[in-house]
Amino acid sequence: MTGPQVLVLHAQTLSTNGLQGWITDNVVPLILLGIAIILLWIGGKGDNAGVARRSVGLVVGLIALGIAVSGNGPEIGNFLAGLLVG
């Protein structure tokens, strides 16, 4: 096999699992650490209401991130719809 046949075989085995795993394992914890340091810095200045506001937004963002990373979006959406519809 030479030329285009080899490229086709290599293209069939390409995926983004390695990149997704690296982002999940490395980038997300660094971002969370940065956010925690910023919240502690703001709290040290005495702006507790500002920390509370930002923390609620952070929790909502973490929930969205968890849904996106886990791949369980449709199941979670069906569960939430079931809570509203019955």
PDB file of N, CA and C in Angstrom:
ATOM      1  N   MET A   1       0.840  -1.177   0.000  1.00  0.00           N
ATOM      2  CA  MET A   1       0.000   0.000   0.000  1.00  0.00           C
ATOM      3  C   MET A   1       0.884   1.238   0.000  1.00  0.00           C
ATOM      4  N   THR A   2       0.634   2.091  -0.912  1.00  0.00           N
ATOM      5  CA  THR A   2       1.358   3.351  -0.964  1.00  0.00           C
ATOM      6  C   THR A   2       0.415   4.447  -1.392  1.00  0.00           C
ATOM      7  N   GLY A   3       0.816   5.646  -1.139  1.00  0.00           N
ATOM      8  CA  GLY A   3       0.085   6.813  -1.623  1.00  0.00           C
ATOM      9  C   GLY A   3      -1.250   7.002  -0.935  1.00  0.00           C
ATOM     10  N   PRO A   4      -2.301   7.196  -1.743  1.00  0.00           N
ATOM     11  CA  PRO A   4      -3.616   7.538  -1.192  1.00  0.00           C
ATOM     12  C   PRO A   4      -4.202   6.466  -0.275  1.00  0.00           C
ATOM     13  N   GLN A   5      -3.872   5.206  -0.509  1.00  0.00           N
ATOM     14  CA  GLN A   5      -4.432   4.145   0.328  1.00  0.00           C
ATOM     15  C   GLN A   5      -3.937   4.266   1.773  1.00  0.00           C
ATOM     16  N   VAL A   6      -2.677   4.614   1.946  1.00  0.00           N
ATOM     17  CA  VAL A   6      -2.128   4.781   3.288  1.00  0.00           C
ATOM     18  C   VAL A   6      -2.789   5.969   3.982  1.00  0.00           C
ATOM     19  N   LEU A   7      -3.012   7.054   3.240  1.00  0.00           N
ATOM     20  CA  LEU A   7      -3.666   8.229   3.824  1.00  0.00           C
ATOM     21  C   LEU A   7      -5.081   7.912   4.262  1.00  0.00           C
ATOM     22  N   VAL A   8      -5.782   7.123   3.479  1.00  0.00           N
ATOM     23  CA  VAL A   8      -7.151   6.761   3.835  1.00  0.00           C
ATOM     24  C   VAL A   8      -7.157   5.939   5.116  1.00  0.00           C
ATOM     25  N   LEU A   9      -6.223   4.994   5.255  1.00  0.00           N
ATOM     26  CA  LEU A   9      -6.154   4.179   6.464  1.00  0.00           C
ATOM     27  C   LEU A   9      -5.826   5.025   7.693  1.00  0.00           C
ATOM     28  N   HIS A  10      -4.913   5.957   7.551  1.00  0.00           N
ATOM     29  CA  HIS A  10      -4.564   6.824   8.676  1.00  0.00           C
ATOM     30  C   HIS A  10      -5.716   7.761   9.023  1.00  0.00           C
ATOM     31  N   ALA A  11      -6.431   8.251   8.035  1.00  0.00           N
ATOM     32  CA  ALA A  11      -7.547   9.160   8.285  1.00  0.00           C
ATOM     33  C   ALA A  11      -8.676   8.440   9.013  1.00  0.00           C
ATOM     34  N   GLN A  12      -8.826   7.151   8.797  1.00  0.00           N
ATOM     35  CA  GLN A  12      -9.893   6.413   9.461  1.00  0.00           C
ATOM     36  C   GLN A  12      -9.607   6.211  10.945  1.00  0.00           C
ATOM     37  N   THR A  13      -8.361   6.268  11.343  1.00  0.00           N
ATOM     38  CA  THR A  13      -8.025   6.043  12.750  1.00  0.00           C
ATOM     39  C   THR A  13      -7.858   7.341  13.542  1.00  0.00           C
ATOM     40  N   LEU A  14      -7.995   8.498  12.914  1.00  0.00           N
ATOM     41  CA  LEU A  14      -7.847   9.767  13.624  1.00  0.00           C
ATOM     42  C   LEU A  14      -9.057  10.028  14.509  1.00  0.00           C
ATOM     43  N   SER A  15      -8.822  10.574  15.684  1.00  0.00           N
ATOM     44  CA  SER A  15      -9.905  10.981  16.569  1.00  0.00           C
ATOM     45  C   SER A  15      -9.396  12.125  17.443  1.00  0.00           C
ATOM     46  N   THR A  16     -10.318  12.718  18.176  1.00  0.00           N
ATOM     47  CA  THR A  16      -9.952  13.822  19.066  1.00  0.00           C
ATOM     48  C   THR A  16      -9.929  13.378  20.521  1.00  0.00           C
ATOM     49  N   ASN A  17      -9.951  12.078  20.763  1.00  0.00           N
ATOM     50  CA  ASN A  17      -9.974  11.590  22.154  1.00  0.00           C
ATOM     51  C   ASN A  17      -8.743  12.017  22.931  1.00  0.00           C
ATOM     52  N   GLY A  18      -7.577  12.011  22.312  1.00  0.00           N
ATOM     53  CA  GLY A  18      -6.374  12.433  23.006  1.00  0.00           C
ATOM     54  C   GLY A  18      -6.427  13.891  23.418  1.00  0.00           C
ATOM     55  N   LEU A  19      -6.885  14.740  22.521  1.00  0.00           N
ATOM     56  CA  LEU A  19      -6.990  16.170  22.822  1.00  0.00           C
ATOM     57  C   LEU A  19      -8.048  16.425  23.881  1.00  0.00           C
ATOM     58  N   GLN A  20      -9.182  15.757  23.772  1.00  0.00           N
ATOM     59  CA  GLN A  20     -10.233  15.930  24.772  1.00  0.00           C
ATOM     60  C   GLN A  20      -9.756  15.490  26.147  1.00  0.00           C
ATOM     61  N   GLY A  21      -9.062  14.374  26.205  1.00  0.00           N
ATOM     62  CA  GLY A  21      -8.541  13.892  27.476  1.00  0.00           C
ATOM     63  C   GLY A  21      -7.520  14.846  28.072  1.00  0.00           C
ATOM     64  N   TRP A  22      -6.659  15.402  27.228  1.00  0.00           N
ATOM     65  CA  TRP A  22      -5.648  16.337  27.711  1.00  0.00           C
ATOM     66  C   TRP A  22      -6.303  17.596  28.256  1.00  0.00           C
ATOM     67  N   ILE A  23      -7.296  18.114  27.554  1.00  0.00           N
ATOM     68  CA  ILE A  23      -7.992  19.316  28.024  1.00  0.00           C
ATOM     69  C   ILE A  23      -8.695  19.030  29.347  1.00  0.00           C
ATOM     70  N   THR A  24      -9.371  17.884  29.427  1.00  0.00           N
ATOM     71  CA  THR A  24     -10.088  17.532  30.649  1.00  0.00           C
ATOM     72  C   THR A  24      -9.130  17.347  31.820  1.00  0.00           C
ATOM     73  N   ASP A  25      -7.995  16.719  31.558  1.00  0.00           N
ATOM     74  CA  ASP A  25      -7.054  16.421  32.642  1.00  0.00           C
ATOM     75  C   ASP A  25      -6.186  17.601  33.045  1.00  0.00           C
ATOM     76  N   ASN A  26      -5.916  18.532  32.138  1.00  0.00           N
ATOM     77  CA  ASN A  26      -4.944  19.594  32.430  1.00  0.00           C
ATOM     78  C   ASN A  26      -5.526  21.001  32.427  1.00  0.00           C
ATOM     79  N   VAL A  27      -6.249  21.371  31.399  1.00  0.00           N
ATOM     80  CA  VAL A  27      -6.697  22.756  31.258  1.00  0.00           C
ATOM     81  C   VAL A  27      -7.820  23.080  32.232  1.00  0.00           C
ATOM     82  N   VAL A  28      -8.795  22.189  32.359  1.00  0.00           N
ATOM     83  CA  VAL A  28      -9.939  22.467  33.231  1.00  0.00           C
ATOM     84  C   VAL A  28      -9.499  22.657  34.684  1.00  0.00           C
ATOM     85  N   PRO A  29      -8.644  21.774  35.261  1.00  0.00           N
ATOM     86  CA  PRO A  29      -8.210  22.041  36.644  1.00  0.00           C
ATOM     87  C   PRO A  29      -7.431  23.349  36.801  1.00  0.00           C
ATOM     88  N   LEU A  30      -6.641  23.726  35.804  1.00  0.00           N
ATOM     89  CA  LEU A  30      -5.920  24.997  35.894  1.00  0.00           C
ATOM     90  C   LEU A  30      -6.870  26.188  35.898  1.00  0.00           C
ATOM     91  N   ILE A  31      -7.897  26.118  35.076  1.00  0.00           N
ATOM     92  CA  ILE A  31      -8.893  27.203  35.045  1.00  0.00           C
ATOM     93  C   ILE A  31      -9.627  27.279  36.379  1.00  0.00           C
ATOM     94  N   LEU A  32     -10.006  26.122  36.925  1.00  0.00           N
ATOM     95  CA  LEU A  32     -10.700  26.116  38.212  1.00  0.00           C
ATOM     96  C   LEU A  32      -9.804  26.646  39.331  1.00  0.00           C
ATOM     97  N   LEU A  33      -8.532  26.307  39.303  1.00  0.00           N
ATOM     98  CA  LEU A  33      -7.596  26.823  40.293  1.00  0.00           C
ATOM     99  C   LEU A  33      -7.479  28.336  40.179  1.00  0.00           C
ATOM    100  N   GLY A  34      -7.399  28.851  38.967  1.00  0.00           N
ATOM    101  CA  GLY A  34      -7.336  30.296  38.762  1.00  0.00           C
ATOM    102  C   GLY A  34      -8.579  31.000  39.273  1.00  0.00           C
ATOM    103  N   ILE A  35      -9.745  30.416  39.018  1.00  0.00           N
ATOM    104  CA  ILE A  35     -10.996  31.007  39.494  1.00  0.00           C
ATOM    105  C   ILE A  35     -11.032  31.005  41.023  1.00  0.00           C
ATOM    106  N   ALA A  36     -10.582  29.910  41.641  1.00  0.00           N
ATOM    107  CA  ALA A  36     -10.584  29.835  43.100  1.00  0.00           C
ATOM    108  C   ALA A  36      -9.663  30.892  43.706  1.00  0.00           C
ATOM    109  N   ILE A  37      -8.507  31.087  43.099  1.00  0.00           N
ATOM    110  CA  ILE A  37      -7.574  32.104  43.613  1.00  0.00           C
ATOM    111  C   ILE A  37      -8.179  33.498  43.490  1.00  0.00           C
ATOM    112  N   ILE A  38      -8.830  33.773  42.379  1.00  0.00           N
ATOM    113  CA  ILE A  38      -9.464  35.088  42.193  1.00  0.00           C
ATOM    114  C   ILE A  38     -10.577  35.295  43.211  1.00  0.00           C
ATOM    115  N   LEU A  39     -11.393  34.254  43.460  1.00  0.00           N
ATOM    116  CA  LEU A  39     -12.473  34.392  44.442  1.00  0.00           C
ATOM    117  C   LEU A  39     -11.918  34.612  45.844  1.00  0.00           C
ATOM    118  N   LEU A  40     -10.832  33.913  46.191  1.00  0.00           N
ATOM    119  CA  LEU A  40     -10.214  34.138  47.499  1.00  0.00           C
ATOM    120  C   LEU A  40      -9.647  35.551  47.617  1.00  0.00           C
ATOM    121  N   TRP A  41      -9.082  36.061  46.537  1.00  0.00           N
ATOM    122  CA  TRP A  41      -8.528  37.411  46.539  1.00  0.00           C
ATOM    123  C   TRP A  41      -9.639  38.443  46.720  1.00  0.00           C
ATOM    124  N   ILE A  42     -10.757  38.249  46.014  1.00  0.00           N
ATOM    125  CA  ILE A  42     -11.883  39.176  46.142  1.00  0.00           C
ATOM    126  C   ILE A  42     -12.467  39.095  47.555  1.00  0.00           C
ATOM    127  N   GLY A  43     -12.569  37.864  48.087  1.00  0.00           N
ATOM    128  CA  GLY A  43     -13.097  37.704  49.446  1.00  0.00           C
ATOM    129  C   GLY A  43     -12.203  38.340  50.490  1.00  0.00           C
ATOM    130  N   GLY A  44     -10.901  38.344  50.264  1.00  0.00           N
ATOM    131  CA  GLY A  44      -9.969  38.964  51.194  1.00  0.00           C
ATOM    132  C   GLY A  44     -10.125  40.463  51.258  1.00  0.00           C
ATOM    133  N   LYS A  45     -10.683  41.059  50.216  1.00  0.00           N
ATOM    134  CA  LYS A  45     -10.905  42.506  50.209  1.00  0.00           C
ATOM    135  C   LYS A  45     -12.185  42.879  50.950  1.00  0.00           C
ATOM    136  N   GLY A  46     -12.987  41.868  51.328  1.00  0.00           N
ATOM    137  CA  GLY A  46     -14.216  42.138  52.074  1.00  0.00           C
ATOM    138  C   GLY A  46     -15.457  42.206  51.221  1.00  0.00           C
ATOM    139  N   ASP A  47     -15.360  41.914  49.961  1.00  0.00           N
ATOM    140  CA  ASP A  47     -16.528  41.962  49.071  1.00  0.00           C
ATOM    141  C   ASP A  47     -17.204  40.595  49.042  1.00  0.00           C
ATOM    142  N   ASN A  48     -17.851  40.247  50.160  1.00  0.00           N
ATOM    143  CA  ASN A  48     -18.465  38.926  50.259  1.00  0.00           C
ATOM    144  C   ASN A  48     -19.662  38.774  49.324  1.00  0.00           C
ATOM    145  N   ALA A  49     -20.405  39.832  49.104  1.00  0.00           N
ATOM    146  CA  ALA A  49     -21.541  39.756  48.182  1.00  0.00           C
ATOM    147  C   ALA A  49     -21.056  39.498  46.756  1.00  0.00           C
ATOM    148  N   GLY A  50     -19.945  40.102  46.387  1.00  0.00           N
ATOM    149  CA  GLY A  50     -19.383  39.869  45.058  1.00  0.00           C
ATOM    150  C   GLY A  50     -18.912  38.437  44.892  1.00  0.00           C
ATOM    151  N   VAL A  51     -18.327  37.880  45.952  1.00  0.00           N
ATOM    152  CA  VAL A  51     -17.893  36.486  45.908  1.00  0.00           C
ATOM    153  C   VAL A  51     -19.098  35.570  45.776  1.00  0.00           C
ATOM    154  N   ALA A  52     -20.166  35.856  46.496  1.00  0.00           N
ATOM    155  CA  ALA A  52     -21.370  35.026  46.423  1.00  0.00           C
ATOM    156  C   ALA A  52     -21.970  35.067  45.019  1.00  0.00           C
ATOM    157  N   ARG A  53     -22.047  36.250  44.414  1.00  0.00           N
ATOM    158  CA  ARG A  53     -22.577  36.379  43.050  1.00  0.00           C
ATOM    159  C   ARG A  53     -21.742  35.581  42.071  1.00  0.00           C
ATOM    160  N   ARG A  54     -20.440  35.726  42.166  1.00  0.00           N
ATOM    161  CA  ARG A  54     -19.551  35.026  41.242  1.00  0.00           C
ATOM    162  C   ARG A  54     -19.570  33.523  41.479  1.00  0.00           C
ATOM    163  N   SER A  55     -19.752  33.102  42.715  1.00  0.00           N
ATOM    164  CA  SER A  55     -19.793  31.678  43.026  1.00  0.00           C
ATOM    165  C   SER A  55     -21.025  31.013  42.433  1.00  0.00           C
ATOM    166  N   VAL A  56     -22.160  31.698  42.461  1.00  0.00           N
ATOM    167  CA  VAL A  56     -23.368  31.145  41.835  1.00  0.00           C
ATOM    168  C   VAL A  56     -23.148  30.993  40.329  1.00  0.00           C
ATOM    169  N   GLY A  57     -22.565  31.978  39.714  1.00  0.00           N
ATOM    170  CA  GLY A  57     -22.258  31.869  38.285  1.00  0.00           C
ATOM    171  C   GLY A  57     -21.269  30.760  38.005  1.00  0.00           C
ATOM    172  N   LEU A  58     -20.301  30.587  38.907  1.00  0.00           N
ATOM    173  CA  LEU A  58     -19.313  29.522  38.758  1.00  0.00           C
ATOM    174  C   LEU A  58     -19.967  28.152  38.859  1.00  0.00           C
ATOM    175  N   VAL A  59     -20.887  27.974  39.792  1.00  0.00           N
ATOM    176  CA  VAL A  59     -21.572  26.684  39.938  1.00  0.00           C
ATOM    177  C   VAL A  59     -22.380  26.362  38.680  1.00  0.00           C
ATOM    178  N   VAL A  60     -23.080  27.347  38.151  1.00  0.00           N
ATOM    179  CA  VAL A  60     -23.840  27.130  36.918  1.00  0.00           C
ATOM    180  C   VAL A  60     -22.899  26.767  35.767  1.00  0.00           C
ATOM    181  N   GLY A  61     -21.782  27.455  35.672  1.00  0.00           N
ATOM    182  CA  GLY A  61     -20.806  27.132  34.634  1.00  0.00           C
ATOM    183  C   GLY A  61     -20.214  25.746  34.792  1.00  0.00           C
ATOM    184  N   LEU A  62     -19.931  25.342  36.033  1.00  0.00           N
ATOM    185  CA  LEU A  62     -19.396  24.001  36.277  1.00  0.00           C
ATOM    186  C   LEU A  62     -20.410  22.916  35.940  1.00  0.00           C
ATOM    187  N   ILE A  63     -21.676  23.176  36.190  1.00  0.00           N
ATOM    188  CA  ILE A  63     -22.716  22.223  35.808  1.00  0.00           C
ATOM    189  C   ILE A  63     -22.746  22.066  34.298  1.00  0.00           C
ATOM    190  N   ALA A  64     -22.698  23.182  33.575  1.00  0.00           N
ATOM    191  CA  ALA A  64     -22.690  23.116  32.113  1.00  0.00           C
ATOM    192  C   ALA A  64     -21.444  22.405  31.602  1.00  0.00           C
ATOM    193  N   LEU A  65     -20.304  22.667  32.216  1.00  0.00           N
ATOM    194  CA  LEU A  65     -19.064  21.998  31.825  1.00  0.00           C
ATOM    195  C   LEU A  65     -19.141  20.500  32.096  1.00  0.00           C
ATOM    196  N   GLY A  66     -19.688  20.124  33.216  1.00  0.00           N
ATOM    197  CA  GLY A  66     -19.838  18.711  33.544  1.00  0.00           C
ATOM    198  C   GLY A  66     -20.734  17.986  32.562  1.00  0.00           C
ATOM    199  N   ILE A  67     -21.811  18.632  32.148  1.00  0.00           N
ATOM    200  CA  ILE A  67     -22.706  18.029  31.164  1.00  0.00           C
ATOM    201  C   ILE A  67     -21.997  17.893  29.827  1.00  0.00           C
ATOM    202  N   ALA A  68     -21.244  18.907  29.439  1.00  0.00           N
ATOM    203  CA  ALA A  68     -20.566  18.868  28.148  1.00  0.00           C
ATOM    204  C   ALA A  68     -19.455  17.820  28.126  1.00  0.00           C
ATOM    205  N   VAL A  69     -18.708  17.695  29.206  1.00  0.00           N
ATOM    206  CA  VAL A  69     -17.586  16.764  29.241  1.00  0.00           C
ATOM    207  C   VAL A  69     -18.060  15.322  29.372  1.00  0.00           C
ATOM    208  N   SER A  70     -19.132  15.098  30.118  1.00  0.00           N
ATOM    209  CA  SER A  70     -19.586  13.732  30.348  1.00  0.00           C
ATOM    210  C   SER A  70     -20.260  13.116  29.123  1.00  0.00           C
ATOM    211  N   GLY A  71     -20.834  13.938  28.268  1.00  0.00           N
ATOM    212  CA  GLY A  71     -21.532  13.417  27.093  1.00  0.00           C
ATOM    213  C   GLY A  71     -22.921  12.904  27.404  1.00  0.00           C
ATOM    214  N   ASN A  72     -23.430  13.192  28.584  1.00  0.00           N
ATOM    215  CA  ASN A  72     -24.757  12.732  28.984  1.00  0.00           C
ATOM    216  C   ASN A  72     -25.821  13.808  28.806  1.00  0.00           C
ATOM    217  N   GLY A  73     -25.605  14.721  27.904  1.00  0.00           N
ATOM    218  CA  GLY A  73     -26.538  15.830  27.708  1.00  0.00           C
ATOM    219  C   GLY A  73     -27.961  15.408  27.404  1.00  0.00           C
ATOM    220  N   PRO A  74     -28.179  14.493  26.443  1.00  0.00           N
ATOM    221  CA  PRO A  74     -29.558  14.090  26.137  1.00  0.00           C
ATOM    222  C   PRO A  74     -30.276  13.445  27.326  1.00  0.00           C
ATOM    223  N   GLU A  75     -29.575  12.598  28.086  1.00  0.00           N
ATOM    224  CA  GLU A  75     -30.209  11.950  29.234  1.00  0.00           C
ATOM    225  C   GLU A  75     -30.578  12.970  30.306  1.00  0.00           C
ATOM    226  N   ILE A  76     -29.687  13.917  30.543  1.00  0.00           N
ATOM    227  CA  ILE A  76     -29.957  14.951  31.545  1.00  0.00           C
ATOM    228  C   ILE A  76     -31.106  15.840  31.080  1.00  0.00           C
ATOM    229  N   GLY A  77     -31.127  16.166  29.790  1.00  0.00           N
ATOM    230  CA  GLY A  77     -32.230  16.965  29.245  1.00  0.00           C
ATOM    231  C   GLY A  77     -33.563  16.249  29.376  1.00  0.00           C
ATOM    232  N   ASN A  78     -33.582  14.948  29.105  1.00  0.00           N
ATOM    233  CA  ASN A  78     -34.823  14.184  29.268  1.00  0.00           C
ATOM    234  C   ASN A  78     -35.266  14.140  30.724  1.00  0.00           C
ATOM    235  N   PHE A  79     -34.306  13.992  31.635  1.00  0.00           N
ATOM    236  CA  PHE A  79     -34.645  13.983  33.065  1.00  0.00           C
ATOM    237  C   PHE A  79     -35.250  15.320  33.487  1.00  0.00           C
ATOM    238  N   LEU A  80     -34.620  16.429  33.078  1.00  0.00           N
ATOM    239  CA  LEU A  80     -35.138  17.752  33.456  1.00  0.00           C
ATOM    240  C   LEU A  80     -36.491  18.014  32.832  1.00  0.00           C
ATOM    241  N   ALA A  81     -36.674  17.590  31.589  1.00  0.00           N
ATOM    242  CA  ALA A  81     -37.989  17.750  30.946  1.00  0.00           C
ATOM    243  C   ALA A  81     -39.036  16.914  31.678  1.00  0.00           C
ATOM    244  N   GLY A  82     -38.632  15.742  32.137  1.00  0.00           N
ATOM    245  CA  GLY A  82     -39.573  14.899  32.893  1.00  0.00           C
ATOM    246  C   GLY A  82     -39.989  15.541  34.214  1.00  0.00           C
ATOM    247  N   LEU A  83     -39.091  16.325  34.812  1.00  0.00           N
ATOM    248  CA  LEU A  83     -39.458  17.023  36.047  1.00  0.00           C
ATOM    249  C   LEU A  83     -40.524  18.085  35.795  1.00  0.00           C
ATOM    250  N   LEU A  84     -40.466  18.724  34.645  1.00  0.00           N
ATOM    251  CA  LEU A  84     -41.421  19.787  34.341  1.00  0.00           C
ATOM    252  C   LEU A  84     -42.738  19.238  33.805  1.00  0.00           C
ATOM    253  N   VAL A  85     -42.640  18.247  32.925  1.00  0.00           N
ATOM    254  CA  VAL A  85     -43.856  17.712  32.272  1.00  0.00           C
ATOM    255  C   VAL A  85     -44.529  16.678  33.135  1.00  0.00           C
ATOM    256  N   GLY A  86     -43.772  15.851  33.782  1.00  0.00           N
ATOM    257  CA  GLY A  86     -44.343  14.845  34.681  1.00  0.00           C
ATOM    258  C   GLY A  86     -44.306  13.451  34.199  1.00  0.00           C
TER     259      GLY A  86
END
